Protein backbone atom coordinates (compact mmCIF):
# COMPACT_ATOMS: atom_id res chain seq x y z
CA MET A 1 2.39 18.09 -4.39
CA GLY A 2 5.98 18.39 -5.33
CA SER A 3 8.00 16.13 -7.53
CA VAL A 4 7.83 12.49 -6.65
CA THR A 5 8.72 9.48 -8.62
CA LEU A 6 8.02 5.77 -8.28
CA SER A 7 11.56 5.29 -7.03
CA ASP A 8 10.49 7.34 -3.93
CA ILE A 9 8.37 4.31 -2.75
CA GLY A 10 10.25 2.55 -0.02
CA VAL A 11 10.28 -1.22 0.66
CA THR A 12 11.31 -2.23 4.15
CA PRO A 13 11.68 -5.97 5.15
CA LEU A 14 9.72 -6.53 8.37
CA GLN A 15 10.50 -8.96 11.18
CA ARG A 16 8.23 -11.84 11.66
CA ILE A 17 9.05 -13.61 15.08
CA ALA A 18 7.97 -17.16 15.42
CA VAL A 19 6.13 -17.65 18.72
CA ILE A 20 4.35 -20.82 19.88
CA GLY A 21 0.63 -20.19 19.22
CA GLY A 22 1.00 -17.58 16.57
CA ASP A 23 3.66 -15.34 15.14
CA VAL A 24 4.41 -11.66 16.03
CA LEU A 25 4.54 -9.44 12.89
CA HIS A 26 6.23 -6.13 13.25
CA ALA A 27 4.74 -3.04 11.25
CA LEU A 28 6.28 0.30 12.08
CA LYS A 29 8.31 1.99 14.85
CA SER A 30 8.72 5.71 15.54
CA THR A 31 12.41 5.11 15.36
CA ASP A 32 12.30 3.92 11.71
CA SER A 33 13.98 6.08 9.25
CA ASP A 34 10.82 6.18 6.92
CA PHE A 35 8.47 7.14 9.91
CA HIS A 36 6.71 10.34 8.90
CA GLY A 37 4.40 10.89 11.92
CA PHE A 38 1.16 9.19 12.99
CA GLY A 39 -2.22 10.19 11.94
CA GLU A 40 -4.25 6.98 12.10
CA ALA A 41 -4.05 3.25 11.37
CA TYR A 42 -6.75 1.41 9.56
CA PHE A 43 -7.42 -1.99 7.94
CA SER A 44 -8.95 -2.70 4.54
CA THR A 45 -9.95 -6.16 3.35
CA ILE A 46 -9.89 -7.26 -0.28
CA ALA A 47 -11.16 -10.44 -1.81
CA THR A 48 -8.98 -12.50 -4.18
CA GLY A 49 -9.46 -11.01 -7.67
CA ALA A 50 -11.06 -7.78 -6.50
CA ILE A 51 -9.43 -4.49 -7.49
CA LYS A 52 -9.53 -1.17 -5.55
CA GLY A 53 -8.28 2.05 -7.04
CA TRP A 54 -7.21 4.49 -8.28
CA LYS A 55 -6.38 6.92 -5.41
CA ARG A 56 -3.78 9.70 -4.92
CA HIS A 57 -3.17 11.43 -1.62
CA GLY A 58 -2.09 15.10 -1.55
CA ARG A 59 -0.49 15.09 1.90
CA MET A 60 -0.60 11.62 3.35
CA THR A 61 2.38 9.31 3.44
CA MET A 62 1.15 5.72 3.65
CA ASN A 63 2.81 2.79 5.19
CA LEU A 64 1.18 -0.31 3.84
CA ILE A 65 1.54 -3.79 5.29
CA VAL A 66 -0.35 -7.03 4.39
CA PRO A 67 -0.31 -9.39 7.48
CA VAL A 68 -3.01 -11.71 5.90
CA GLY A 69 -3.05 -12.97 2.21
CA MET A 70 -1.23 -11.55 -0.62
CA VAL A 71 -1.94 -8.15 -2.47
CA LYS A 72 -0.52 -6.64 -5.62
CA PHE A 73 -0.08 -2.84 -5.42
CA VAL A 74 0.20 -0.94 -8.66
CA PHE A 75 1.64 2.59 -8.60
CA TYR A 76 1.36 5.02 -11.47
CA GLN A 77 3.28 8.04 -12.30
CA GLU A 78 1.84 10.45 -14.78
CA GLY A 79 3.64 11.70 -17.72
CA GLY A 80 4.88 8.57 -19.51
CA SER A 81 2.62 5.86 -18.34
CA LEU A 82 5.11 4.46 -15.87
CA PHE A 83 3.93 1.74 -13.53
CA ARG A 84 5.51 -0.04 -10.55
CA GLU A 85 4.21 -3.29 -9.15
CA GLU A 86 4.91 -4.58 -5.65
CA THR A 87 3.31 -7.79 -4.34
CA ILE A 88 3.40 -8.16 -0.60
CA GLY A 89 1.85 -10.15 2.11
CA ILE A 90 2.44 -13.33 4.16
CA GLU A 91 4.88 -14.70 1.50
CA ARG A 92 6.75 -11.36 1.17
CA TYR A 93 6.40 -9.63 4.46
CA VAL A 94 7.49 -6.06 3.96
CA ARG A 95 6.24 -2.46 4.46
CA LEU A 96 5.74 -0.15 1.48
CA THR A 97 6.19 3.49 2.36
CA VAL A 98 4.39 5.59 -0.34
CA PRO A 99 4.79 9.42 -0.46
CA ALA A 100 1.88 11.69 -1.33
CA GLY A 101 1.36 12.44 -4.95
CA ILE A 102 1.52 8.80 -6.42
CA TRP A 103 -1.49 7.20 -7.94
CA PHE A 104 -2.13 3.57 -6.69
CA GLY A 105 -4.54 0.73 -7.01
CA PHE A 106 -4.48 -2.74 -5.46
CA GLN A 107 -5.68 -6.24 -6.18
CA GLY A 108 -6.22 -9.30 -3.89
CA ILE A 109 -4.22 -12.14 -5.36
CA ALA A 110 -4.15 -14.96 -2.79
CA GLY A 111 -5.57 -16.12 0.43
CA GLY A 112 -9.26 -15.66 0.03
CA GLU A 113 -9.71 -12.37 1.77
CA SER A 114 -6.43 -10.30 2.22
CA MET A 115 -5.98 -7.63 4.87
CA VAL A 116 -4.13 -4.39 4.23
CA LEU A 117 -3.04 -2.18 7.13
CA ASN A 118 -2.26 1.52 6.33
CA ILE A 119 -0.39 3.41 9.09
CA ALA A 120 -0.95 6.93 7.79
CA SER A 121 0.93 9.99 8.61
CA ILE A 122 -2.21 12.15 8.96
CA PRO A 123 -5.82 11.33 9.88
CA HIS A 124 -8.13 10.63 6.95
CA ASP A 125 -9.30 13.82 5.14
CA PRO A 126 -11.50 13.40 2.15
CA ASP A 127 -10.33 16.80 0.86
CA GLU A 128 -6.71 15.64 0.34
CA VAL A 129 -7.40 12.44 -1.73
CA GLU A 130 -8.34 12.24 -5.46
CA ARG A 131 -10.10 9.22 -6.91
CA LEU A 132 -10.46 7.94 -10.42
CA PRO A 133 -12.37 4.94 -11.74
CA ILE A 134 -10.37 1.77 -12.26
CA THR A 135 -10.63 2.24 -16.08
CA ALA A 136 -9.20 5.77 -16.12
CA ILE A 137 -5.61 4.62 -16.03
CA ALA A 138 -4.56 2.09 -18.74
CA TYR A 139 -3.17 -0.70 -16.68
CA GLN A 140 -3.81 -4.46 -17.59
CA TRP A 141 -4.98 -6.02 -14.26
CA ASN A 142 -4.77 -9.82 -14.01
CA ASN A 143 -7.72 -11.94 -14.11
CA ILE A 144 -7.67 -14.05 -10.98
C-alpha cells in the first residue's frame, strides 16, 4: 500500500452558490489538483449517533463530501495509535481526499440523517477493502 500518513488527507473548501429555490453545491472537477480519476460515485446515509467503520482501501482514493447534515470522520494510522478527526457537512462544506491505506470510520453527528457522497477513483471492488469491527481500534466515539 505504500507509506501514507494522516497528513496525506486533503481538505478542500468547496463552493456553495446561493440560488433562489435551493443552493448549488460543488463537489469535484476533473481539473482539481486532487482528482485521481473516476471509478464511481455513491451516497451513504448515516443516522445521528450511528457509527460506521472501520475500513481501509488498498487502491481506492476517496473524495468524501457531506451535502446534508454533519459527519465526523476519524482516520487512524497504525503504529502509534495516531488519529485525525475531520467534521464536515453543511456547516463546514469541504471535500476530504483520502488516499488508499488509511483506516477510517465515521459518525453522524447532526441533522437527523446525514448523507455522505464518495467520488471514488475506482469502481467498488470487495477484494481491495479491509474491514474491522468498530471495537478493533481503540478510539473513544462520542455518545450522541
